Amino acid sequence: MNDFSFPFVFQTYGRSADRVLLAAAIVGMRNGDGFFKPPQVLAFFDALRVPRPANIHRDIGLLESANYVRRFGQNWSVTPVGRNVVQEHLQKFDEAELNAYLQGTPGSF
């Protein structure tokens, strides 16, 4: 738990690929099926009003090489290994605020 908002902590967290992994996992959870597309991840960055990754396809490629995400046709999904990494990252955020973002609660952005 901390005194900073989710968007602030998200923007300052780790490397670009780390933020893409977190955003992809959250988008997949919000979609209800675990799948995401790169434009949806970019829209999540925009909704938080934080800078987009310079090259999301490069970041997703790095995550795929690390076995954190996997492609299914035009969709992507976070792998079990990636989910484990995400769970570790998500512990750094305030639980109530994080739940609002995960559920897409109106006004949470």
C-alpha atoms as a PDB file:
ATOM      1  CA  MET A   1       0.000   0.000   0.000  1.00  0.00           C
ATOM      2  CA  ASN A   2       1.301   3.488  -0.779  1.00  0.00           C
ATOM      3  CA  ASP A   3       0.229   7.097  -0.925  1.00  0.00           C
ATOM      4  CA  PHE A   4       0.428   7.393  -4.707  1.00  0.00           C
ATOM      5  CA  SER A   5      -2.326   6.883  -7.256  1.00  0.00           C
ATOM      6  CA  PHE A   6      -2.415   3.834  -9.501  1.00  0.00           C
ATOM      7  CA  PRO A   7      -1.557   5.847 -12.664  1.00  0.00           C
ATOM      8  CA  PHE A   8       1.500   7.394 -10.963  1.00  0.00           C
ATOM      9  CA  VAL A   9       2.835   4.078  -9.685  1.00  0.00           C
ATOM     10  CA  PHE A  10       2.054   2.413 -13.032  1.00  0.00           C
ATOM     11  CA  GLN A  11       3.900   5.104 -15.021  1.00  0.00           C
ATOM     12  CA  THR A  12       6.993   4.944 -12.821  1.00  0.00           C
ATOM     13  CA  TYR A  13       7.083   1.162 -12.547  1.00  0.00           C
ATOM     14  CA  GLY A  14       9.973  -0.770 -14.093  1.00  0.00           C
ATOM     15  CA  ARG A  15      10.789  -0.899 -17.764  1.00  0.00           C
ATOM     16  CA  SER A  16       8.437  -0.294 -20.677  1.00  0.00           C
ATOM     17  CA  ALA A  17       7.940  -4.052 -21.175  1.00  0.00           C
ATOM     18  CA  ASP A  18       6.987  -4.409 -17.481  1.00  0.00           C
ATOM     19  CA  ARG A  19       4.266  -1.798 -17.902  1.00  0.00           C
ATOM     20  CA  VAL A  20       3.061  -3.439 -21.127  1.00  0.00           C
ATOM     21  CA  LEU A  21       2.818  -6.804 -19.324  1.00  0.00           C
ATOM     22  CA  LEU A  22       0.796  -5.281 -16.480  1.00  0.00           C
ATOM     23  CA  ALA A  23      -1.479  -3.398 -18.864  1.00  0.00           C
ATOM     24  CA  ALA A  24      -1.959  -6.478 -21.061  1.00  0.00           C
ATOM     25  CA  ALA A  25      -2.910  -8.607 -18.053  1.00  0.00           C
ATOM     26  CA  ILE A  26      -5.370  -5.992 -16.801  1.00  0.00           C
ATOM     27  CA  VAL A  27      -6.907  -5.577 -20.264  1.00  0.00           C
ATOM     28  CA  GLY A  28      -7.220  -9.365 -20.595  1.00  0.00           C
ATOM     29  CA  MET A  29      -8.920  -9.583 -17.190  1.00  0.00           C
ATOM     30  CA  ARG A  30     -11.292  -6.765 -18.088  1.00  0.00           C
ATOM     31  CA  ASN A  31     -12.111  -8.463 -21.395  1.00  0.00           C
ATOM     32  CA  GLY A  32     -13.195 -11.480 -19.378  1.00  0.00           C
ATOM     33  CA  ASP A  33     -11.394 -14.052 -21.512  1.00  0.00           C
ATOM     34  CA  GLY A  34      -7.749 -13.222 -20.823  1.00  0.00           C
ATOM     35  CA  PHE A  35      -7.105 -12.122 -24.408  1.00  0.00           C
ATOM     36  CA  PHE A  36      -5.854  -8.726 -25.500  1.00  0.00           C
ATOM     37  CA  LYS A  37      -4.784  -6.911 -28.654  1.00  0.00           C
ATOM     38  CA  PRO A  38      -2.001  -4.311 -28.759  1.00  0.00           C
ATOM     39  CA  PRO A  39      -4.403  -1.411 -29.561  1.00  0.00           C
ATOM     40  CA  GLN A  40      -6.377  -2.260 -26.399  1.00  0.00           C
ATOM     41  CA  VAL A  41      -3.187  -2.096 -24.349  1.00  0.00           C
ATOM     42  CA  LEU A  42      -2.352   1.287 -25.872  1.00  0.00           C
ATOM     43  CA  ALA A  43      -5.878   2.483 -25.051  1.00  0.00           C
ATOM     44  CA  PHE A  44      -5.266   1.478 -21.423  1.00  0.00           C
ATOM     45  CA  PHE A  45      -2.151   3.682 -21.343  1.00  0.00           C
ATOM     46  CA  ASP A  46      -4.205   6.508 -22.854  1.00  0.00           C
ATOM     47  CA  ALA A  47      -7.002   6.044 -20.313  1.00  0.00           C
ATOM     48  CA  LEU A  48      -4.471   6.355 -17.496  1.00  0.00           C
ATOM     49  CA  ARG A  49      -3.041   9.434 -19.242  1.00  0.00           C
ATOM     50  CA  VAL A  50       0.472   8.027 -19.109  1.00  0.00           C
ATOM     51  CA  PRO A  51       2.943   7.937 -22.013  1.00  0.00           C
ATOM     52  CA  ARG A  52       2.519   5.046 -24.404  1.00  0.00           C
ATOM     53  CA  PRO A  53       5.416   2.632 -24.891  1.00  0.00           C
ATOM     54  CA  ALA A  54       7.721   3.782 -27.690  1.00  0.00           C
ATOM     55  CA  ASN A  55       7.284   0.469 -29.545  1.00  0.00           C
ATOM     56  CA  ILE A  56       4.601  -1.839 -28.154  1.00  0.00           C
ATOM     57  CA  HIS A  57       5.335  -4.543 -30.727  1.00  0.00           C
ATOM     58  CA  ARG A  58       8.977  -4.663 -29.620  1.00  0.00           C
ATOM     59  CA  ASP A  59       7.887  -4.889 -25.972  1.00  0.00           C
ATOM     60  CA  ILE A  60       5.381  -7.654 -26.728  1.00  0.00           C
ATOM     61  CA  GLY A  61       8.123  -9.462 -28.669  1.00  0.00           C
ATOM     62  CA  LEU A  62      10.425  -9.249 -25.639  1.00  0.00           C
ATOM     63  CA  LEU A  63       7.623 -10.563 -23.425  1.00  0.00           C
ATOM     64  CA  GLU A  64       6.989 -13.401 -25.881  1.00  0.00           C
ATOM     65  CA  SER A  65      10.700 -14.295 -25.877  1.00  0.00           C
ATOM     66  CA  ALA A  66      10.571 -14.444 -22.071  1.00  0.00           C
ATOM     67  CA  ASN A  67       7.471 -16.697 -22.311  1.00  0.00           C
ATOM     68  CA  TYR A  68       5.296 -14.095 -20.536  1.00  0.00           C
ATOM     69  CA  VAL A  69       2.803 -13.744 -23.395  1.00  0.00           C
ATOM     70  CA  ARG A  70       1.675 -15.958 -26.264  1.00  0.00           C
ATOM     71  CA  ARG A  71      -0.042 -15.214 -29.540  1.00  0.00           C
ATOM     72  CA  PHE A  72      -3.316 -16.867 -30.573  1.00  0.00           C
ATOM     73  CA  GLY A  73      -4.133 -15.703 -34.100  1.00  0.00           C
ATOM     74  CA  GLN A  74      -4.715 -11.965 -33.822  1.00  0.00           C
ATOM     75  CA  ASN A  75      -5.083 -12.132 -30.042  1.00  0.00           C
ATOM     76  CA  TRP A  76      -2.500 -12.390 -27.313  1.00  0.00           C
ATOM     77  CA  SER A  77      -2.694 -13.809 -23.819  1.00  0.00           C
ATOM     78  CA  VAL A  78      -0.504 -13.679 -20.732  1.00  0.00           C
ATOM     79  CA  THR A  79       0.975 -17.141 -20.048  1.00  0.00           C
ATOM     80  CA  PRO A  80       0.952 -18.836 -16.625  1.00  0.00           C
ATOM     81  CA  VAL A  81       4.561 -17.690 -16.117  1.00  0.00           C
ATOM     82  CA  GLY A  82       3.563 -14.153 -17.091  1.00  0.00           C
ATOM     83  CA  ARG A  83       0.567 -14.277 -14.719  1.00  0.00           C
ATOM     84  CA  ASN A  84       2.900 -15.193 -11.871  1.00  0.00           C
ATOM     85  CA  VAL A  85       5.095 -12.178 -12.666  1.00  0.00           C
ATOM     86  CA  VAL A  86       2.001  -9.964 -12.896  1.00  0.00           C
ATOM     87  CA  GLN A  87       0.738 -11.169  -9.509  1.00  0.00           C
ATOM     88  CA  GLU A  88       4.066 -10.157  -7.949  1.00  0.00           C
ATOM     89  CA  HIS A  89       3.827  -6.716  -9.595  1.00  0.00           C
ATOM     90  CA  LEU A  90       0.188  -6.161  -8.628  1.00  0.00           C
ATOM     91  CA  GLN A  91       1.022  -6.527  -4.941  1.00  0.00           C
ATOM     92  CA  LYS A  92       2.719  -3.129  -5.174  1.00  0.00           C
ATOM     93  CA  PHE A  93      -0.615  -1.364  -5.793  1.00  0.00           C
ATOM     94  CA  ASP A  94      -3.393  -0.346  -3.432  1.00  0.00           C
ATOM     95  CA  GLU A  95      -5.935  -3.192  -3.513  1.00  0.00           C
ATOM     96  CA  ALA A  96      -9.120  -1.100  -3.596  1.00  0.00           C
ATOM     97  CA  GLU A  97      -7.844   1.207  -6.336  1.00  0.00           C
ATOM     98  CA  LEU A  98      -6.467  -1.721  -8.332  1.00  0.00           C
ATOM     99  CA  ASN A  99      -9.822  -3.518  -8.160  1.00  0.00           C
ATOM    100  CA  ALA A 100     -11.518  -0.428  -9.602  1.00  0.00           C
ATOM    101  CA  TYR A 101      -9.140  -0.518 -12.587  1.00  0.00           C
ATOM    102  CA  LEU A 102      -9.517  -4.273 -13.023  1.00  0.00           C
ATOM    103  CA  GLN A 103     -13.295  -4.029 -13.058  1.00  0.00           C
ATOM    104  CA  GLY A 104     -13.363  -0.896 -15.190  1.00  0.00           C
ATOM    105  CA  THR A 105     -15.446   0.912 -12.624  1.00  0.00           C
ATOM    106  CA  PRO A 106     -16.752   4.189 -14.095  1.00  0.00           C
ATOM    107  CA  GLY A 107     -14.626   7.030 -12.845  1.00  0.00           C
ATOM    108  CA  SER A 108     -11.724   4.727 -12.015  1.00  0.00           C
ATOM    109  CA  PHE A 109      -9.658   6.391 -14.720  1.00  0.00           C
END
